Amino acid sequence: MTVFDIEEKEGTWFDMEGGGRVKLRPVGVEKYLHIVSVTTKQLPFVHEVNGKTEVLTYEKHDQELYIRMINDEIIMEWENLFDKNEKPIPCTLDNKVLLKVKSKVFREFVDEKVSLLEKAEAKQAEALEKN
């Protein structure tokens, strides 16, 4: 019997060095495919060779929207993160992207922890396959 974990991931809390914590989850295959489909468009263009005209298509990717959607999926929430003026940073879509893009420390933290979660999921799936 093959068992699949298809439930929405609840996320895992990770404590940051120096304070604060972030709740993260890996992007599942279904969510990833949805994000790619939403951020990719097939656009037509005319190609002419030796007087013969063809209408072909190419893919145009909305990289900004892709980054926003992926970060919103990965970063679920956070607590006790502050700006340089010691004001709490609310966990909004814009702030998720801003921190991930502008803060190397935050970006590396998130990437490392999500990688750990993905490896753990892969091991769990492997173990389930063997049974």
Protein backbone atom coordinates (compact mmCIF):
# COMPACT_ATOMS: atom_id res chain seq x y z
CA MET A 1 0.00 0.00 0.00
CA THR A 2 1.29 3.45 -0.89
CA VAL A 3 0.45 6.21 1.56
CA PHE A 4 0.42 9.88 0.56
CA ASP A 5 0.39 12.86 2.90
CA ILE A 6 -1.97 15.25 1.12
CA GLU A 7 -3.00 17.40 4.07
CA GLU A 8 -2.10 21.07 4.24
CA LYS A 9 1.18 21.47 6.10
CA GLU A 10 0.83 23.19 9.46
CA GLY A 11 4.34 24.58 9.39
CA THR A 12 7.21 24.40 11.83
CA TRP A 13 8.50 27.12 14.14
CA PHE A 14 12.21 27.94 14.08
CA ASP A 15 13.95 30.21 16.58
CA MET A 16 16.30 32.80 15.14
CA GLU A 17 19.62 33.54 16.76
CA GLY A 18 19.28 36.81 18.65
CA GLY A 19 15.53 36.44 19.13
CA GLY A 20 12.37 36.07 17.16
CA ARG A 21 10.99 33.03 15.49
CA VAL A 22 9.55 32.14 12.11
CA LYS A 23 6.96 29.55 11.11
CA LEU A 24 7.92 27.90 7.80
CA ARG A 25 6.75 25.15 5.49
CA PRO A 26 8.08 23.78 2.23
CA VAL A 27 6.13 24.41 -0.94
CA GLY A 28 4.33 21.22 -1.89
CA VAL A 29 4.21 20.00 -5.47
CA GLU A 30 0.58 20.98 -5.94
CA LYS A 31 1.13 24.52 -4.65
CA TYR A 32 4.33 24.88 -6.68
CA LEU A 33 2.58 23.83 -9.89
CA HIS A 34 -0.26 26.24 -9.14
CA ILE A 35 2.18 29.12 -8.60
CA VAL A 36 4.02 28.31 -11.83
CA SER A 37 0.74 28.16 -13.77
CA VAL A 38 -0.42 31.50 -12.36
CA THR A 39 2.90 33.24 -13.04
CA THR A 40 3.50 31.84 -16.55
CA LYS A 41 1.69 32.95 -19.68
CA GLN A 42 1.81 31.51 -23.16
CA LEU A 43 2.08 34.41 -25.61
CA PRO A 44 1.93 34.24 -29.39
CA PHE A 45 4.51 35.63 -31.78
CA VAL A 46 4.85 35.56 -35.55
CA HIS A 47 7.84 33.74 -37.02
CA GLU A 48 8.66 34.17 -40.68
CA VAL A 49 11.18 32.06 -42.61
CA ASN A 50 11.56 32.05 -46.40
CA GLY A 51 8.25 33.84 -46.85
CA LYS A 52 6.42 31.29 -44.73
CA THR A 53 4.67 32.71 -41.67
CA GLU A 54 3.93 30.73 -38.53
CA VAL A 55 2.34 31.76 -35.27
CA LEU A 56 4.28 30.24 -32.39
CA THR A 57 4.12 30.76 -28.65
CA TYR A 58 6.64 31.54 -25.95
CA GLU A 59 6.43 31.54 -22.18
CA LYS A 60 6.59 34.79 -20.27
CA HIS A 61 7.29 34.46 -16.56
CA ASP A 62 6.18 37.07 -14.04
CA GLN A 63 9.19 36.73 -11.75
CA GLU A 64 7.99 39.33 -9.26
CA LEU A 65 4.64 37.60 -8.74
CA TYR A 66 6.39 34.22 -8.53
CA ILE A 67 8.70 35.49 -5.76
CA ARG A 68 5.76 36.99 -3.87
CA MET A 69 3.67 33.82 -4.07
CA ILE A 70 6.52 31.45 -3.15
CA ASN A 71 7.54 33.57 -0.14
CA ASP A 72 3.93 33.85 0.99
CA GLU A 73 3.60 30.07 0.84
CA ILE A 74 6.89 29.32 2.62
CA ILE A 75 6.77 31.97 5.36
CA MET A 76 3.58 31.43 7.31
CA GLU A 77 4.10 33.83 10.19
CA TRP A 78 6.68 35.23 12.59
CA GLU A 79 6.98 36.66 16.06
CA ASN A 80 9.31 39.21 17.64
CA LEU A 81 11.02 40.53 14.52
CA PHE A 82 11.85 44.24 14.73
CA ASP A 83 13.12 46.96 12.42
CA LYS A 84 16.15 49.17 13.17
CA ASN A 85 13.91 51.49 15.23
CA GLU A 86 12.84 48.53 17.39
CA LYS A 87 9.30 48.59 15.99
CA PRO A 88 7.66 45.20 15.40
CA ILE A 89 7.61 44.12 11.76
CA PRO A 90 4.14 42.81 10.92
CA CYS A 91 4.07 39.54 8.99
CA THR A 92 2.52 40.77 5.74
CA LEU A 93 3.07 39.65 2.17
CA ASP A 94 5.09 42.79 1.40
CA ASN A 95 7.25 42.36 4.50
CA LYS A 96 7.87 38.68 3.73
CA VAL A 97 9.26 39.65 0.33
CA LEU A 98 11.10 42.69 1.68
CA LEU A 99 12.89 40.73 4.40
CA LYS A 100 13.70 37.83 2.10
CA VAL A 101 15.12 40.16 -0.57
CA LYS A 102 16.85 42.79 1.59
CA SER A 103 18.11 40.78 4.56
CA LYS A 104 20.82 38.25 3.81
CA VAL A 105 20.54 36.89 7.36
CA PHE A 106 16.78 36.31 7.04
CA ARG A 107 17.08 34.90 3.50
CA GLU A 108 19.80 32.41 4.50
CA PHE A 109 17.87 31.44 7.65
CA VAL A 110 14.67 30.74 5.71
CA ASP A 111 16.46 28.90 2.90
CA GLU A 112 18.39 26.70 5.36
CA LYS A 113 15.33 25.79 7.43
CA VAL A 114 13.11 25.09 4.41
CA SER A 115 15.86 22.87 3.03
CA LEU A 116 15.85 20.92 6.31
CA LEU A 117 12.08 20.51 6.09
CA GLU A 118 12.28 19.32 2.49
CA LYS A 119 14.95 16.75 3.39
CA ALA A 120 12.86 15.51 6.31
CA GLU A 121 9.80 15.17 4.04
CA ALA A 122 11.86 13.26 1.47
CA LYS A 123 13.11 10.85 4.14
CA GLN A 124 9.57 10.38 5.44
CA ALA A 125 8.26 9.69 1.94
CA GLU A 126 11.10 7.25 1.34
CA ALA A 127 10.29 5.40 4.56
CA LEU A 128 6.59 5.23 3.65
CA GLU A 129 7.44 3.85 0.21
CA LYS A 130 9.52 1.07 1.73
CA ASN A 131 6.63 -0.04 3.96
